């Protein structure tokens, strides 16, 4: 099931909107490659967090 910026896995809720969007983008690409949803989410979360950290962007929302 492809996700969107407004409809995403609950495990992404504490990420900033920008990082969450990147995670959704990555997860959808992984799904297209045949990854299982759980694995796609885990990989996408890790990659999106790395992406943000390399750019000096906050990863988690301030109120999380």
PDB file of N, CA and C in Angstrom:
ATOM      1  N   UNK A   1       0.841  -1.183   0.000  1.00  0.00           N
ATOM      2  CA  UNK A   1       0.000   0.000   0.000  1.00  0.00           C
ATOM      3  C   UNK A   1       0.883   1.241   0.000  1.00  0.00           C
ATOM      4  N   UNK A   2       0.818   2.058  -1.027  1.00  0.00           N
ATOM      5  CA  UNK A   2       1.636   3.271  -1.041  1.00  0.00           C
ATOM      6  C   UNK A   2       1.125   4.288  -0.014  1.00  0.00           C
ATOM      7  N   UNK A   3       2.055   5.010   0.564  1.00  0.00           N
ATOM      8  CA  UNK A   3       1.718   6.017   1.564  1.00  0.00           C
ATOM      9  C   UNK A   3       1.843   7.408   0.972  1.00  0.00           C
ATOM     10  N   UNK A   4       1.281   8.384   1.691  1.00  0.00           N
ATOM     11  CA  UNK A   4       1.367   9.787   1.281  1.00  0.00           C
ATOM     12  C   UNK A   4       1.836  10.606   2.474  1.00  0.00           C
ATOM     13  N   UNK A   5       2.031  11.893   2.254  1.00  0.00           N
ATOM     14  CA  UNK A   5       2.439  12.767   3.362  1.00  0.00           C
ATOM     15  C   UNK A   5       1.343  12.905   4.417  1.00  0.00           C
ATOM     16  N   UNK A   6       0.112  12.610   4.038  1.00  0.00           N
ATOM     17  CA  UNK A   6      -1.001  12.690   4.984  1.00  0.00           C
ATOM     18  C   UNK A   6      -1.475  11.332   5.474  1.00  0.00           C
ATOM     19  N   UNK A   7      -1.064  10.286   4.834  1.00  0.00           N
ATOM     20  CA  UNK A   7      -1.454   8.918   5.203  1.00  0.00           C
ATOM     21  C   UNK A   7      -0.191   8.073   5.232  1.00  0.00           C
ATOM     22  N   UNK A   8       0.346   7.900   6.432  1.00  0.00           N
ATOM     23  CA  UNK A   8       1.643   7.241   6.589  1.00  0.00           C
ATOM     24  C   UNK A   8       1.590   6.309   7.791  1.00  0.00           C
ATOM     25  N   UNK A   9       2.566   5.415   7.913  1.00  0.00           N
ATOM     26  CA  UNK A   9       2.595   4.495   9.054  1.00  0.00           C
ATOM     27  C   UNK A   9       2.721   5.258  10.383  1.00  0.00           C
ATOM     28  N   UNK A  10       2.083   4.750  11.394  1.00  0.00           N
ATOM     29  CA  UNK A  10       2.104   5.396  12.716  1.00  0.00           C
ATOM     30  C   UNK A  10       3.524   5.553  13.255  1.00  0.00           C
ATOM     31  N   UNK A  11       4.418   4.676  12.881  1.00  0.00           N
ATOM     32  CA  UNK A  11       5.791   4.750  13.383  1.00  0.00           C
ATOM     33  C   UNK A  11       6.528   6.000  12.898  1.00  0.00           C
ATOM     34  N   UNK A  12       5.992   6.702  11.926  1.00  0.00           N
ATOM     35  CA  UNK A  12       6.634   7.921  11.411  1.00  0.00           C
ATOM     36  C   UNK A  12       6.086   9.193  12.040  1.00  0.00           C
ATOM     37  N   UNK A  13       5.121   9.080  12.944  1.00  0.00           N
ATOM     38  CA  UNK A  13       4.418  10.256  13.457  1.00  0.00           C
ATOM     39  C   UNK A  13       5.306  11.240  14.213  1.00  0.00           C
ATOM     40  N   UNK A  14       6.388  10.789  14.827  1.00  0.00           N
ATOM     41  CA  UNK A  14       7.241  11.681  15.612  1.00  0.00           C
ATOM     42  C   UNK A  14       8.335  12.349  14.796  1.00  0.00           C
ATOM     43  N   UNK A  15       8.441  12.012  13.516  1.00  0.00           N
ATOM     44  CA  UNK A  15       9.429  12.656  12.662  1.00  0.00           C
ATOM     45  C   UNK A  15       8.911  14.018  12.231  1.00  0.00           C
ATOM     46  N   UNK A  16       9.831  14.924  11.936  1.00  0.00           N
ATOM     47  CA  UNK A  16       9.398  16.216  11.409  1.00  0.00           C
ATOM     48  C   UNK A  16       8.718  15.972  10.065  1.00  0.00           C
ATOM     49  N   UNK A  17       7.838  16.875   9.649  1.00  0.00           N
ATOM     50  CA  UNK A  17       7.143  16.673   8.373  1.00  0.00           C
ATOM     51  C   UNK A  17       8.091  16.461   7.185  1.00  0.00           C
ATOM     52  N   UNK A  18       9.198  17.184   7.157  1.00  0.00           N
ATOM     53  CA  UNK A  18      10.153  17.037   6.052  1.00  0.00           C
ATOM     54  C   UNK A  18      10.794  15.650   6.042  1.00  0.00           C
ATOM     55  N   UNK A  19      11.216  15.181   7.210  1.00  0.00           N
ATOM     56  CA  UNK A  19      11.848  13.863   7.308  1.00  0.00           C
ATOM     57  C   UNK A  19      10.806  12.777   7.067  1.00  0.00           C
ATOM     58  N   UNK A  20       9.611  12.962   7.566  1.00  0.00           N
ATOM     59  CA  UNK A  20       8.532  11.999   7.326  1.00  0.00           C
ATOM     60  C   UNK A  20       8.250  11.880   5.831  1.00  0.00           C
ATOM     61  N   UNK A  21       8.206  13.010   5.149  1.00  0.00           N
ATOM     62  CA  UNK A  21       7.978  12.993   3.702  1.00  0.00           C
ATOM     63  C   UNK A  21       9.056  12.227   2.971  1.00  0.00           C
ATOM     64  N   UNK A  22      10.303  12.414   3.389  1.00  0.00           N
ATOM     65  CA  UNK A  22      11.413  11.691   2.768  1.00  0.00           C
ATOM     66  C   UNK A  22      11.283  10.204   3.055  1.00  0.00           C
ATOM     67  N   UNK A  23      10.900   9.847   4.283  1.00  0.00           N
ATOM     68  CA  UNK A  23      10.722   8.440   4.641  1.00  0.00           C
ATOM     69  C   UNK A  23       9.608   7.804   3.816  1.00  0.00           C
ATOM     70  N   UNK A  24       8.525   8.529   3.610  1.00  0.00           N
ATOM     71  CA  UNK A  24       7.409   8.026   2.801  1.00  0.00           C
ATOM     72  C   UNK A  24       7.886   7.795   1.367  1.00  0.00           C
ATOM     73  N   UNK A  25       8.627   8.742   0.830  1.00  0.00           N
ATOM     74  CA  UNK A  25       9.161   8.622  -0.528  1.00  0.00           C
ATOM     75  C   UNK A  25      10.042   7.375  -0.658  1.00  0.00           C
ATOM     76  N   UNK A  26      10.935   7.186   0.297  1.00  0.00           N
ATOM     77  CA  UNK A  26      11.844   6.040   0.275  1.00  0.00           C
ATOM     78  C   UNK A  26      11.072   4.738   0.451  1.00  0.00           C
ATOM     79  N   UNK A  27      10.150   4.714   1.402  1.00  0.00           N
ATOM     80  CA  UNK A  27       9.374   3.495   1.662  1.00  0.00           C
ATOM     81  C   UNK A  27       8.567   3.082   0.437  1.00  0.00           C
ATOM     82  N   UNK A  28       7.952   4.036  -0.237  1.00  0.00           N
ATOM     83  CA  UNK A  28       7.188   3.710  -1.439  1.00  0.00           C
ATOM     84  C   UNK A  28       8.083   3.134  -2.525  1.00  0.00           C
ATOM     85  N   UNK A  29       9.287   3.671  -2.663  1.00  0.00           N
ATOM     86  CA  UNK A  29      10.233   3.138  -3.649  1.00  0.00           C
ATOM     87  C   UNK A  29      10.629   1.702  -3.290  1.00  0.00           C
ATOM     88  N   UNK A  30      10.829   1.455  -2.002  1.00  0.00           N
ATOM     89  CA  UNK A  30      11.191   0.103  -1.570  1.00  0.00           C
ATOM     90  C   UNK A  30      10.043  -0.880  -1.800  1.00  0.00           C
ATOM     91  N   UNK A  31       8.820  -0.428  -1.582  1.00  0.00           N
ATOM     92  CA  UNK A  31       7.662  -1.284  -1.853  1.00  0.00           C
ATOM     93  C   UNK A  31       7.614  -1.667  -3.333  1.00  0.00           C
ATOM     94  N   UNK A  32       7.899  -0.704  -4.183  1.00  0.00           N
ATOM     95  CA  UNK A  32       7.907  -0.975  -5.625  1.00  0.00           C
ATOM     96  C   UNK A  32       8.980  -1.997  -5.994  1.00  0.00           C
ATOM     97  N   UNK A  33      10.055  -2.040  -5.200  1.00  0.00           N
ATOM     98  CA  UNK A  33      11.136  -2.999  -5.444  1.00  0.00           C
ATOM     99  C   UNK A  33      10.820  -4.373  -4.857  1.00  0.00           C
ATOM    100  N   UNK A  34       9.693  -4.475  -4.145  1.00  0.00           N
ATOM    101  CA  UNK A  34       9.277  -5.768  -3.629  1.00  0.00           C
ATOM    102  C   UNK A  34       9.534  -6.024  -2.152  1.00  0.00           C
ATOM    103  N   UNK A  35       9.973  -5.008  -1.416  1.00  0.00           N
ATOM    104  CA  UNK A  35      10.190  -5.179   0.017  1.00  0.00           C
ATOM    105  C   UNK A  35       8.854  -5.323   0.735  1.00  0.00           C
ATOM    106  N   UNK A  36       8.851  -6.054   1.848  1.00  0.00           N
ATOM    107  CA  UNK A  36       7.666  -6.134   2.706  1.00  0.00           C
ATOM    108  C   UNK A  36       7.472  -4.786   3.388  1.00  0.00           C
ATOM    109  N   UNK A  37       6.223  -4.473   3.758  1.00  0.00           N
ATOM    110  CA  UNK A  37       5.925  -3.176   4.366  1.00  0.00           C
ATOM    111  C   UNK A  37       6.771  -2.890   5.601  1.00  0.00           C
ATOM    112  N   UNK A  38       6.838  -3.836   6.526  1.00  0.00           N
ATOM    113  CA  UNK A  38       7.591  -3.609   7.757  1.00  0.00           C
ATOM    114  C   UNK A  38       9.052  -3.321   7.506  1.00  0.00           C
ATOM    115  N   UNK A  39       9.637  -4.062   6.609  1.00  0.00           N
ATOM    116  CA  UNK A  39      11.054  -3.872   6.264  1.00  0.00           C
ATOM    117  C   UNK A  39      11.243  -2.541   5.545  1.00  0.00           C
ATOM    118  N   UNK A  40      10.332  -2.210   4.647  1.00  0.00           N
ATOM    119  CA  UNK A  40      10.421  -0.947   3.914  1.00  0.00           C
ATOM    120  C   UNK A  40      10.353   0.242   4.875  1.00  0.00           C
ATOM    121  N   UNK A  41       9.474   0.163   5.855  1.00  0.00           N
ATOM    122  CA  UNK A  41       9.341   1.253   6.822  1.00  0.00           C
ATOM    123  C   UNK A  41      10.623   1.407   7.637  1.00  0.00           C
ATOM    124  N   UNK A  42      11.161   0.301   8.110  1.00  0.00           N
ATOM    125  CA  UNK A  42      12.380   0.353   8.926  1.00  0.00           C
ATOM    126  C   UNK A  42      13.551   0.945   8.139  1.00  0.00           C
ATOM    127  N   UNK A  43      13.747   0.473   6.928  1.00  0.00           N
ATOM    128  CA  UNK A  43      14.843   0.980   6.098  1.00  0.00           C
ATOM    129  C   UNK A  43      14.625   2.443   5.767  1.00  0.00           C
ATOM    130  N   UNK A  44      13.407   2.800   5.386  1.00  0.00           N
ATOM    131  CA  UNK A  44      13.099   4.178   5.007  1.00  0.00           C
ATOM    132  C   UNK A  44      13.296   5.135   6.173  1.00  0.00           C
ATOM    133  N   UNK A  45      12.909   4.718   7.359  1.00  0.00           N
ATOM    134  CA  UNK A  45      13.083   5.569   8.541  1.00  0.00           C
ATOM    135  C   UNK A  45      14.563   5.833   8.784  1.00  0.00           C
ATOM    136  N   UNK A  46      15.364   4.792   8.756  1.00  0.00           N
ATOM    137  CA  UNK A  46      16.801   4.939   8.982  1.00  0.00           C
ATOM    138  C   UNK A  46      17.438   5.829   7.919  1.00  0.00           C
ATOM    139  N   UNK A  47      17.090   5.609   6.674  1.00  0.00           N
ATOM    140  CA  UNK A  47      17.676   6.407   5.588  1.00  0.00           C
ATOM    141  C   UNK A  47      17.229   7.864   5.658  1.00  0.00           C
ATOM    142  N   UNK A  48      15.977   8.104   5.990  1.00  0.00           N
ATOM    143  CA  UNK A  48      15.477   9.483   6.090  1.00  0.00           C
ATOM    144  C   UNK A  48      16.146  10.208   7.255  1.00  0.00           C
ATOM    145  N   UNK A  49      16.350   9.516   8.365  1.00  0.00           N
ATOM    146  CA  UNK A  49      17.037  10.133   9.501  1.00  0.00           C
ATOM    147  C   UNK A  49      18.474  10.478   9.127  1.00  0.00           C
ATOM    148  N   UNK A  50      19.157   9.575   8.430  1.00  0.00           N
ATOM    149  CA  UNK A  50      20.527   9.851   7.978  1.00  0.00           C
ATOM    150  C   UNK A  50      20.542  11.037   7.021  1.00  0.00           C
ATOM    151  N   UNK A  51      19.573  11.087   6.115  1.00  0.00           N
ATOM    152  CA  UNK A  51      19.459  12.175   5.158  1.00  0.00           C
ATOM    153  C   UNK A  51      19.354  13.516   5.893  1.00  0.00           C
ATOM    154  N   UNK A  52      18.504  13.563   6.908  1.00  0.00           N
ATOM    155  CA  UNK A  52      18.307  14.799   7.671  1.00  0.00           C
ATOM    156  C   UNK A  52      19.553  15.180   8.459  1.00  0.00           C
ATOM    157  N   UNK A  53      20.170  14.209   9.102  1.00  0.00           N
ATOM    158  CA  UNK A  53      21.357  14.483   9.908  1.00  0.00           C
ATOM    159  C   UNK A  53      22.505  15.022   9.051  1.00  0.00           C
ATOM    160  N   UNK A  54      22.665  14.473   7.846  1.00  0.00           N
ATOM    161  CA  UNK A  54      23.728  14.952   6.956  1.00  0.00           C
ATOM    162  C   UNK A  54      23.503  16.400   6.540  1.00  0.00           C
ATOM    163  N   UNK A  55      22.257  16.836   6.580  1.00  0.00           N
ATOM    164  CA  UNK A  55      21.922  18.197   6.179  1.00  0.00           C
ATOM    165  C   UNK A  55      21.718  19.126   7.382  1.00  0.00           C
ATOM    166  N   UNK A  56      21.930  18.606   8.572  1.00  0.00           N
ATOM    167  CA  UNK A  56      21.771  19.417   9.779  1.00  0.00           C
ATOM    168  C   UNK A  56      20.329  19.772  10.076  1.00  0.00           C
ATOM    169  N   UNK A  57      19.401  18.946   9.613  1.00  0.00           N
ATOM    170  CA  UNK A  57      17.974  19.190   9.836  1.00  0.00           C
ATOM    171  C   UNK A  57      17.510  18.410  11.063  1.00  0.00           C
ATOM    172  N   UNK A  58      16.535  18.954  11.788  1.00  0.00           N
ATOM    173  CA  UNK A  58      15.995  18.203  12.928  1.00  0.00           C
ATOM    174  C   UNK A  58      15.260  16.949  12.431  1.00  0.00           C
ATOM    175  N   UNK A  59      15.375  15.869  13.200  1.00  0.00           N
ATOM    176  CA  UNK A  59      14.767  14.601  12.820  1.00  0.00           C
ATOM    177  C   UNK A  59      13.421  14.409  13.504  1.00  0.00           C
ATOM    178  N   UNK A  60      13.387  14.646  14.800  1.00  0.00           N
ATOM    179  CA  UNK A  60      12.159  14.460  15.591  1.00  0.00           C
ATOM    180  C   UNK A  60      11.483  15.797  15.822  1.00  0.00           C
ATOM    181  N   UNK A  61      10.162  15.753  15.934  1.00  0.00           N
ATOM    182  CA  UNK A  61       9.398  16.953  16.233  1.00  0.00           C
ATOM    183  C   UNK A  61       9.719  17.407  17.650  1.00  0.00           C
ATOM    184  N   UNK A  62       9.697  18.691  17.882  1.00  0.00           N
ATOM    185  CA  UNK A  62      10.064  19.269  19.182  1.00  0.00           C
ATOM    186  C   UNK A  62       9.176  18.750  20.305  1.00  0.00           C
ATOM    187  N   UNK A  63       7.897  18.532  20.039  1.00  0.00           N
ATOM    188  CA  UNK A  63       6.976  18.097  21.088  1.00  0.00           C
ATOM    189  C   UNK A  63       6.953  16.576  21.247  1.00  0.00           C
ATOM    190  N   UNK A  64       7.788  15.854  20.506  1.00  0.00           N
ATOM    191  CA  UNK A  64       7.791  14.388  20.583  1.00  0.00           C
ATOM    192  C   UNK A  64       8.654  13.881  21.696  1.00  0.00           C
TER     193      UNK A  64
END
